[in-house]
Amino acid sequence: MNFLEFMFVPMILLITVVVPIWITLHYRSLNNSSRALSDDDRQSLDEMLEAVDRMTDRITNLEAILDADHPNWRNEKEDNR
């Protein structure tokens, strides 16, 4: 029995089982790493979150002013619908 005959079955098993799993896991890990946020994306997200916080504070303040000036403004809005 020569070397090629001896290695035939292990090579077939390697090609049919191990290589497809290896390729699948390799490209899955590449895909997962590309989904991660870059530094620029993370900075943009942080800026947007800060803007959302500022807008939330502004809305809260505006609602407090409206509550003080026009106590029934929420009910009037619902009545007009």
PDB file of N, CA and C in Angstrom:
ATOM      1  N   MET A   1       0.861  -1.165   0.000  1.00  0.00           N
ATOM      2  CA  MET A   1       0.000   0.000   0.000  1.00  0.00           C
ATOM      3  C   MET A   1       0.914   1.236   0.000  1.00  0.00           C
ATOM      4  N   ASN A   2       0.736   2.072  -0.991  1.00  0.00           N
ATOM      5  CA  ASN A   2       1.572   3.267  -1.049  1.00  0.00           C
ATOM      6  C   ASN A   2       0.910   4.421  -0.292  1.00  0.00           C
ATOM      7  N   PHE A   3       1.607   5.527  -0.253  1.00  0.00           N
ATOM      8  CA  PHE A   3       1.165   6.679   0.534  1.00  0.00           C
ATOM      9  C   PHE A   3      -0.165   7.239   0.035  1.00  0.00           C
ATOM     10  N   LEU A   4      -0.378   7.330  -1.263  1.00  0.00           N
ATOM     11  CA  LEU A   4      -1.621   7.881  -1.808  1.00  0.00           C
ATOM     12  C   LEU A   4      -2.827   7.023  -1.451  1.00  0.00           C
ATOM     13  N   GLU A   5      -2.657   5.718  -1.513  1.00  0.00           N
ATOM     14  CA  GLU A   5      -3.756   4.835  -1.131  1.00  0.00           C
ATOM     15  C   GLU A   5      -4.052   4.953   0.366  1.00  0.00           C
ATOM     16  N   PHE A   6      -3.029   5.143   1.147  1.00  0.00           N
ATOM     17  CA  PHE A   6      -3.190   5.269   2.585  1.00  0.00           C
ATOM     18  C   PHE A   6      -3.899   6.580   2.958  1.00  0.00           C
ATOM     19  N   MET A   7      -3.617   7.649   2.255  1.00  0.00           N
ATOM     20  CA  MET A   7      -4.168   8.963   2.572  1.00  0.00           C
ATOM     21  C   MET A   7      -5.474   9.273   1.841  1.00  0.00           C
ATOM     22  N   PHE A   8      -5.948   8.380   0.991  1.00  0.00           N
ATOM     23  CA  PHE A   8      -7.134   8.660   0.192  1.00  0.00           C
ATOM     24  C   PHE A   8      -8.368   8.921   1.074  1.00  0.00           C
ATOM     25  N   VAL A   9      -8.681   8.032   1.982  1.00  0.00           N
ATOM     26  CA  VAL A   9      -9.869   8.178   2.824  1.00  0.00           C
ATOM     27  C   VAL A   9      -9.750   9.389   3.761  1.00  0.00           C
ATOM     28  N   PRO A  10      -8.637   9.599   4.448  1.00  0.00           N
ATOM     29  CA  PRO A  10      -8.550  10.799   5.291  1.00  0.00           C
ATOM     30  C   PRO A  10      -8.675  12.106   4.487  1.00  0.00           C
ATOM     31  N   MET A  11      -8.137  12.135   3.293  1.00  0.00           N
ATOM     32  CA  MET A  11      -8.248  13.345   2.470  1.00  0.00           C
ATOM     33  C   MET A  11      -9.695  13.584   2.045  1.00  0.00           C
ATOM     34  N   ILE A  12     -10.411  12.535   1.693  1.00  0.00           N
ATOM     35  CA  ILE A  12     -11.818  12.673   1.318  1.00  0.00           C
ATOM     36  C   ILE A  12     -12.617  13.183   2.518  1.00  0.00           C
ATOM     37  N   LEU A  13     -12.363  12.624   3.691  1.00  0.00           N
ATOM     38  CA  LEU A  13     -13.046  13.098   4.895  1.00  0.00           C
ATOM     39  C   LEU A  13     -12.708  14.560   5.185  1.00  0.00           C
ATOM     40  N   LEU A  14     -11.463  14.918   5.018  1.00  0.00           N
ATOM     41  CA  LEU A  14     -11.058  16.300   5.240  1.00  0.00           C
ATOM     42  C   LEU A  14     -11.780  17.233   4.275  1.00  0.00           C
ATOM     43  N   ILE A  15     -11.830  16.865   3.023  1.00  0.00           N
ATOM     44  CA  ILE A  15     -12.449  17.717   2.005  1.00  0.00           C
ATOM     45  C   ILE A  15     -13.961  17.793   2.183  1.00  0.00           C
ATOM     46  N   THR A  16     -14.607  16.719   2.560  1.00  0.00           N
ATOM     47  CA  THR A  16     -16.070  16.718   2.638  1.00  0.00           C
ATOM     48  C   THR A  16     -16.619  17.201   3.976  1.00  0.00           C
ATOM     49  N   VAL A  17     -15.835  17.107   5.048  1.00  0.00           N
ATOM     50  CA  VAL A  17     -16.354  17.467   6.361  1.00  0.00           C
ATOM     51  C   VAL A  17     -15.658  18.700   6.940  1.00  0.00           C
ATOM     52  N   VAL A  18     -14.373  18.648   7.051  1.00  0.00           N
ATOM     53  CA  VAL A  18     -13.639  19.686   7.774  1.00  0.00           C
ATOM     54  C   VAL A  18     -13.580  20.994   6.995  1.00  0.00           C
ATOM     55  N   VAL A  19     -13.266  20.938   5.723  1.00  0.00           N
ATOM     56  CA  VAL A  19     -13.096  22.161   4.928  1.00  0.00           C
ATOM     57  C   VAL A  19     -14.391  22.980   4.847  1.00  0.00           C
ATOM     58  N   PRO A  20     -15.555  22.383   4.564  1.00  0.00           N
ATOM     59  CA  PRO A  20     -16.770  23.214   4.539  1.00  0.00           C
ATOM     60  C   PRO A  20     -17.085  23.872   5.888  1.00  0.00           C
ATOM     61  N   ILE A  21     -16.881  23.137   6.974  1.00  0.00           N
ATOM     62  CA  ILE A  21     -17.114  23.721   8.297  1.00  0.00           C
ATOM     63  C   ILE A  21     -16.131  24.857   8.549  1.00  0.00           C
ATOM     64  N   TRP A  22     -14.887  24.646   8.176  1.00  0.00           N
ATOM     65  CA  TRP A  22     -13.856  25.657   8.360  1.00  0.00           C
ATOM     66  C   TRP A  22     -14.189  26.923   7.573  1.00  0.00           C
ATOM     67  N   ILE A  23     -14.577  26.757   6.320  1.00  0.00           N
ATOM     68  CA  ILE A  23     -14.920  27.908   5.478  1.00  0.00           C
ATOM     69  C   ILE A  23     -16.140  28.636   6.043  1.00  0.00           C
ATOM     70  N   THR A  24     -17.147  27.893   6.460  1.00  0.00           N
ATOM     71  CA  THR A  24     -18.349  28.510   7.025  1.00  0.00           C
ATOM     72  C   THR A  24     -18.017  29.321   8.269  1.00  0.00           C
ATOM     73  N   LEU A  25     -17.266  28.750   9.171  1.00  0.00           N
ATOM     74  CA  LEU A  25     -16.902  29.464  10.396  1.00  0.00           C
ATOM     75  C   LEU A  25     -16.014  30.669  10.106  1.00  0.00           C
ATOM     76  N   HIS A  26     -15.144  30.542   9.121  1.00  0.00           N
ATOM     77  CA  HIS A  26     -14.270  31.664   8.761  1.00  0.00           C
ATOM     78  C   HIS A  26     -15.089  32.851   8.274  1.00  0.00           C
ATOM     79  N   TYR A  27     -15.995  32.616   7.330  1.00  0.00           N
ATOM     80  CA  TYR A  27     -16.771  33.729   6.794  1.00  0.00           C
ATOM     81  C   TYR A  27     -17.799  34.249   7.798  1.00  0.00           C
ATOM     82  N   ARG A  28     -18.282  33.412   8.679  1.00  0.00           N
ATOM     83  CA  ARG A  28     -19.181  33.881   9.728  1.00  0.00           C
ATOM     84  C   ARG A  28     -18.440  34.820  10.674  1.00  0.00           C
ATOM     85  N   SER A  29     -17.202  34.488  11.016  1.00  0.00           N
ATOM     86  CA  SER A  29     -16.433  35.370  11.900  1.00  0.00           C
ATOM     87  C   SER A  29     -16.089  36.679  11.196  1.00  0.00           C
ATOM     88  N   LEU A  30     -15.817  36.644   9.893  1.00  0.00           N
ATOM     89  CA  LEU A  30     -15.578  37.884   9.152  1.00  0.00           C
ATOM     90  C   LEU A  30     -16.824  38.757   9.142  1.00  0.00           C
ATOM     91  N   ASN A  31     -17.972  38.132   8.954  1.00  0.00           N
ATOM     92  CA  ASN A  31     -19.229  38.873   8.928  1.00  0.00           C
ATOM     93  C   ASN A  31     -19.510  39.506  10.288  1.00  0.00           C
ATOM     94  N   ASN A  32     -19.269  38.775  11.354  1.00  0.00           N
ATOM     95  CA  ASN A  32     -19.496  39.313  12.699  1.00  0.00           C
ATOM     96  C   ASN A  32     -18.552  40.466  13.008  1.00  0.00           C
ATOM     97  N   SER A  33     -17.321  40.374  12.554  1.00  0.00           N
ATOM     98  CA  SER A  33     -16.383  41.461  12.827  1.00  0.00           C
ATOM     99  C   SER A  33     -16.721  42.701  12.017  1.00  0.00           C
ATOM    100  N   SER A  34     -17.321  42.535  10.845  1.00  0.00           N
ATOM    101  CA  SER A  34     -17.690  43.705  10.046  1.00  0.00           C
ATOM    102  C   SER A  34     -18.925  44.397  10.619  1.00  0.00           C
ATOM    103  N   ARG A  35     -19.709  43.697  11.421  1.00  0.00           N
ATOM    104  CA  ARG A  35     -20.898  44.295  12.034  1.00  0.00           C
ATOM    105  C   ARG A  35     -20.552  45.202  13.206  1.00  0.00           C
ATOM    106  N   ALA A  36     -19.382  45.050  13.751  1.00  0.00           N
ATOM    107  CA  ALA A  36     -18.994  45.862  14.903  1.00  0.00           C
ATOM    108  C   ALA A  36     -18.893  47.327  14.487  1.00  0.00           C
ATOM    109  N   LEU A  37     -19.200  48.207  15.418  1.00  0.00           N
ATOM    110  CA  LEU A  37     -19.163  49.636  15.130  1.00  0.00           C
ATOM    111  C   LEU A  37     -17.721  50.121  15.031  1.00  0.00           C
ATOM    112  N   SER A  38     -17.479  50.947  14.028  1.00  0.00           N
ATOM    113  CA  SER A  38     -16.166  51.570  13.919  1.00  0.00           C
ATOM    114  C   SER A  38     -16.091  52.726  14.912  1.00  0.00           C
ATOM    115  N   ASP A  39     -14.912  53.294  15.051  1.00  0.00           N
ATOM    116  CA  ASP A  39     -14.748  54.422  15.980  1.00  0.00           C
ATOM    117  C   ASP A  39     -15.588  55.617  15.548  1.00  0.00           C
ATOM    118  N   ASP A  40     -15.642  55.876  14.234  1.00  0.00           N
ATOM    119  CA  ASP A  40     -16.460  56.987  13.732  1.00  0.00           C
ATOM    120  C   ASP A  40     -17.941  56.744  14.000  1.00  0.00           C
ATOM    121  N   ASP A  41     -18.383  55.496  13.780  1.00  0.00           N
ATOM    122  CA  ASP A  41     -19.785  55.168  14.034  1.00  0.00           C
ATOM    123  C   ASP A  41     -20.122  55.323  15.515  1.00  0.00           C
ATOM    124  N   ARG A  42     -19.219  54.872  16.359  1.00  0.00           N
ATOM    125  CA  ARG A  42     -19.455  54.980  17.804  1.00  0.00           C
ATOM    126  C   ARG A  42     -19.510  56.447  18.228  1.00  0.00           C
ATOM    127  N   GLN A  43     -18.638  57.290  17.656  1.00  0.00           N
ATOM    128  CA  GLN A  43     -18.648  58.712  17.983  1.00  0.00           C
ATOM    129  C   GLN A  43     -19.950  59.360  17.512  1.00  0.00           C
ATOM    130  N   SER A  44     -20.393  59.007  16.304  1.00  0.00           N
ATOM    131  CA  SER A  44     -21.661  59.545  15.801  1.00  0.00           C
ATOM    132  C   SER A  44     -22.822  59.113  16.683  1.00  0.00           C
ATOM    133  N   LEU A  45     -22.812  57.872  17.099  1.00  0.00           N
ATOM    134  CA  LEU A  45     -23.868  57.369  17.973  1.00  0.00           C
ATOM    135  C   LEU A  45     -23.872  58.105  19.312  1.00  0.00           C
ATOM    136  N   ASP A  46     -22.698  58.339  19.870  1.00  0.00           N
ATOM    137  CA  ASP A  46     -22.619  59.090  21.133  1.00  0.00           C
ATOM    138  C   ASP A  46     -23.147  60.509  20.965  1.00  0.00           C
ATOM    139  N   GLU A  47     -22.812  61.151  19.846  1.00  0.00           N
ATOM    140  CA  GLU A  47     -23.308  62.506  19.592  1.00  0.00           C
ATOM    141  C   GLU A  47     -24.828  62.516  19.452  1.00  0.00           C
ATOM    142  N   MET A  48     -25.362  61.517  18.757  1.00  0.00           N
ATOM    143  CA  MET A  48     -26.817  61.442  18.602  1.00  0.00           C
ATOM    144  C   MET A  48     -27.503  61.202  19.943  1.00  0.00           C
ATOM    145  N   LEU A  49     -26.909  60.359  20.783  1.00  0.00           N
ATOM    146  CA  LEU A  49     -27.495  60.110  22.102  1.00  0.00           C
ATOM    147  C   LEU A  49     -27.482  61.371  22.962  1.00  0.00           C
ATOM    148  N   GLU A  50     -26.409  62.156  22.862  1.00  0.00           N
ATOM    149  CA  GLU A  50     -26.371  63.427  23.595  1.00  0.00           C
ATOM    150  C   GLU A  50     -27.447  64.375  23.081  1.00  0.00           C
ATOM    151  N   ALA A  51     -27.644  64.412  21.754  1.00  0.00           N
ATOM    152  CA  ALA A  51     -28.686  65.271  21.176  1.00  0.00           C
ATOM    153  C   ALA A  51     -30.066  64.824  21.645  1.00  0.00           C
ATOM    154  N   VAL A  52     -30.280  63.519  21.717  1.00  0.00           N
ATOM    155  CA  VAL A  52     -31.565  62.999  22.200  1.00  0.00           C
ATOM    156  C   VAL A  52     -31.788  63.412  23.650  1.00  0.00           C
ATOM    157  N   ASP A  53     -30.750  63.326  24.463  1.00  0.00           N
ATOM    158  CA  ASP A  53     -30.881  63.748  25.868  1.00  0.00           C
ATOM    159  C   ASP A  53     -31.229  65.228  25.970  1.00  0.00           C
ATOM    160  N   ARG A  54     -30.570  66.062  25.154  1.00  0.00           N
ATOM    161  CA  ARG A  54     -30.872  67.499  25.180  1.00  0.00           C
ATOM    162  C   ARG A  54     -32.305  67.760  24.729  1.00  0.00           C
ATOM    163  N   MET A  55     -32.745  67.068  23.674  1.00  0.00           N
ATOM    164  CA  MET A  55     -34.120  67.259  23.187  1.00  0.00           C
ATOM    165  C   MET A  55     -35.140  66.795  24.216  1.00  0.00           C
ATOM    166  N   THR A  56     -34.842  65.709  24.905  1.00  0.00           N
ATOM    167  CA  THR A  56     -35.744  65.225  25.951  1.00  0.00           C
ATOM    168  C   THR A  56     -35.871  66.254  27.067  1.00  0.00           C
ATOM    169  N   ASP A  57     -34.747  66.836  27.454  1.00  0.00           N
ATOM    170  CA  ASP A  57     -34.793  67.892  28.482  1.00  0.00           C
ATOM    171  C   ASP A  57     -35.600  69.089  28.001  1.00  0.00           C
ATOM    172  N   ARG A  58     -35.426  69.472  26.746  1.00  0.00           N
ATOM    173  CA  ARG A  58     -36.175  70.608  26.202  1.00  0.00           C
ATOM    174  C   ARG A  58     -37.672  70.325  26.191  1.00  0.00           C
ATOM    175  N   ILE A  59     -38.034  69.126  25.768  1.00  0.00           N
ATOM    176  CA  ILE A  59     -39.459  68.771  25.729  1.00  0.00           C
ATOM    177  C   ILE A  59     -40.046  68.783  27.134  1.00  0.00           C
ATOM    178  N   THR A  60     -39.299  68.242  28.093  1.00  0.00           N
ATOM    179  CA  THR A  60     -39.764  68.243  29.482  1.00  0.00           C
ATOM    180  C   THR A  60     -39.964  69.667  29.983  1.00  0.00           C
ATOM    181  N   ASN A  61     -39.014  70.546  29.668  1.00  0.00           N
ATOM    182  CA  ASN A  61     -39.139  71.948  30.092  1.00  0.00           C
ATOM    183  C   ASN A  61     -40.321  72.633  29.413  1.00  0.00           C
ATOM    184  N   LEU A  62     -40.500  72.386  28.118  1.00  0.00           N
ATOM    185  CA  LEU A  62     -41.636  72.985  27.409  1.00  0.00           C
ATOM    186  C   LEU A  62     -42.965  72.495  27.975  1.00  0.00           C
ATOM    187  N   GLU A  63     -43.049  71.217  28.295  1.00  0.00           N
ATOM    188  CA  GLU A  63     -44.279  70.696  28.887  1.00  0.00           C
ATOM    189  C   GLU A  63     -44.519  71.307  30.267  1.00  0.00           C
ATOM    190  N   ALA A  64     -43.455  71.540  31.027  1.00  0.00           N
ATOM    191  CA  ALA A  64     -43.611  72.174  32.344  1.00  0.00           C
ATOM    192  C   ALA A  64     -44.117  73.604  32.192  1.00  0.00           C
ATOM    193  N   ILE A  65     -43.595  74.323  31.198  1.00  0.00           N
ATOM    194  CA  ILE A  65     -44.061  75.694  30.945  1.00  0.00           C
ATOM    195  C   ILE A  65     -45.525  75.683  30.528  1.00  0.00           C
ATOM    196  N   LEU A  66     -45.883  74.778  29.626  1.00  0.00           N
ATOM    197  CA  LEU A  66     -47.281  74.687  29.195  1.00  0.00           C
ATOM    198  C   LEU A  66     -48.193  74.294  30.351  1.00  0.00           C
ATOM    199  N   ASP A  67     -47.734  73.376  31.203  1.00  0.00           N
ATOM    200  CA  ASP A  67     -48.541  72.995  32.370  1.00  0.00           C
ATOM    201  C   ASP A  67     -48.772  74.186  33.293  1.00  0.00           C
ATOM    202  N   ALA A  68     -47.761  75.051  33.440  1.00  0.00           N
ATOM    203  CA  ALA A  68     -47.898  76.220  34.315  1.00  0.00           C
ATOM    204  C   ALA A  68     -48.803  77.275  33.690  1.00  0.00           C
ATOM    205  N   ASP A  69     -48.651  77.513  32.381  1.00  0.00           N
ATOM    206  CA  ASP A  69     -49.432  78.564  31.712  1.00  0.00           C
ATOM    207  C   ASP A  69     -50.841  78.108  31.354  1.00  0.00           C
ATOM    208  N   HIS A  70     -50.969  76.892  30.864  1.00  0.00           N
ATOM    209  CA  HIS A  70     -52.261  76.353  30.417  1.00  0.00           C
ATOM    210  C   HIS A  70     -52.424  74.951  31.008  1.00  0.00           C
ATOM    211  N   PRO A  71     -52.981  74.850  32.199  1.00  0.00           N
ATOM    212  CA  PRO A  71     -53.041  73.564  32.906  1.00  0.00           C
ATOM    213  C   PRO A  71     -53.781  72.466  32.139  1.00  0.00           C
ATOM    214  N   ASN A  72     -54.729  72.818  31.294  1.00  0.00           N
ATOM    215  CA  ASN A  72     -55.517  71.797  30.591  1.00  0.00           C
ATOM    216  C   ASN A  72     -55.090  71.624  29.138  1.00  0.00           C
ATOM    217  N   TRP A  73     -53.887  71.985  28.806  1.00  0.00           N
ATOM    218  CA  TRP A  73     -53.481  71.929  27.405  1.00  0.00           C
ATOM    219  C   TRP A  73     -53.480  70.501  26.864  1.00  0.00           C
ATOM    220  N   ARG A  74     -53.204  69.539  27.699  1.00  0.00           N
ATOM    221  CA  ARG A  74     -53.212  68.147  27.225  1.00  0.00           C
ATOM    222  C   ARG A  74     -54.647  67.704  26.914  1.00  0.00           C
ATOM    223  N   ASN A  75     -55.578  68.064  27.758  1.00  0.00           N
ATOM    224  CA  ASN A  75     -56.978  67.702  27.536  1.00  0.00           C
ATOM    225  C   ASN A  75     -57.553  68.438  26.339  1.00  0.00           C
ATOM    226  N   GLU A  76     -57.193  69.711  26.165  1.00  0.00           N
ATOM    227  CA  GLU A  76     -57.673  70.481  25.016  1.00  0.00           C
ATOM    228  C   GLU A  76     -57.191  69.862  23.720  1.00  0.00           C
ATOM    229  N   LYS A  77     -55.981  69.384  23.716  1.00  0.00           N
ATOM    230  CA  LYS A  77     -55.426  68.755  22.523  1.00  0.00           C
ATOM    231  C   LYS A  77     -56.222  67.496  22.176  1.00  0.00           C
ATOM    232  N   GLU A  78     -56.556  66.695  23.180  1.00  0.00           N
ATOM    233  CA  GLU A  78     -57.315  65.473  22.945  1.00  0.00           C
ATOM    234  C   GLU A  78     -58.750  65.784  22.531  1.00  0.00           C
ATOM    235  N   ASP A  79     -59.326  66.871  23.052  1.00  0.00           N
ATOM    236  CA  ASP A  79     -60.698  67.242  22.706  1.00  0.00           C
ATOM    237  C   ASP A  79     -60.800  67.704  21.257  1.00  0.00           C
ATOM    238  N   ASN A  80     -59.747  68.271  20.709  1.00  0.00           N
ATOM    239  CA  ASN A  80     -59.762  68.776  19.336  1.00  0.00           C
ATOM    240  C   ASN A  80     -59.654  67.666  18.304  1.00  0.00           C
ATOM    241  N   ARG A  81     -59.390  66.486  18.708  1.00  0.00           N
ATOM    242  CA  ARG A  81     -59.229  65.382  17.744  1.00  0.00           C
ATOM    243  C   ARG A  81     -60.540  64.865  17.269  1.00  0.00           C
TER     244      ARG A  81
END
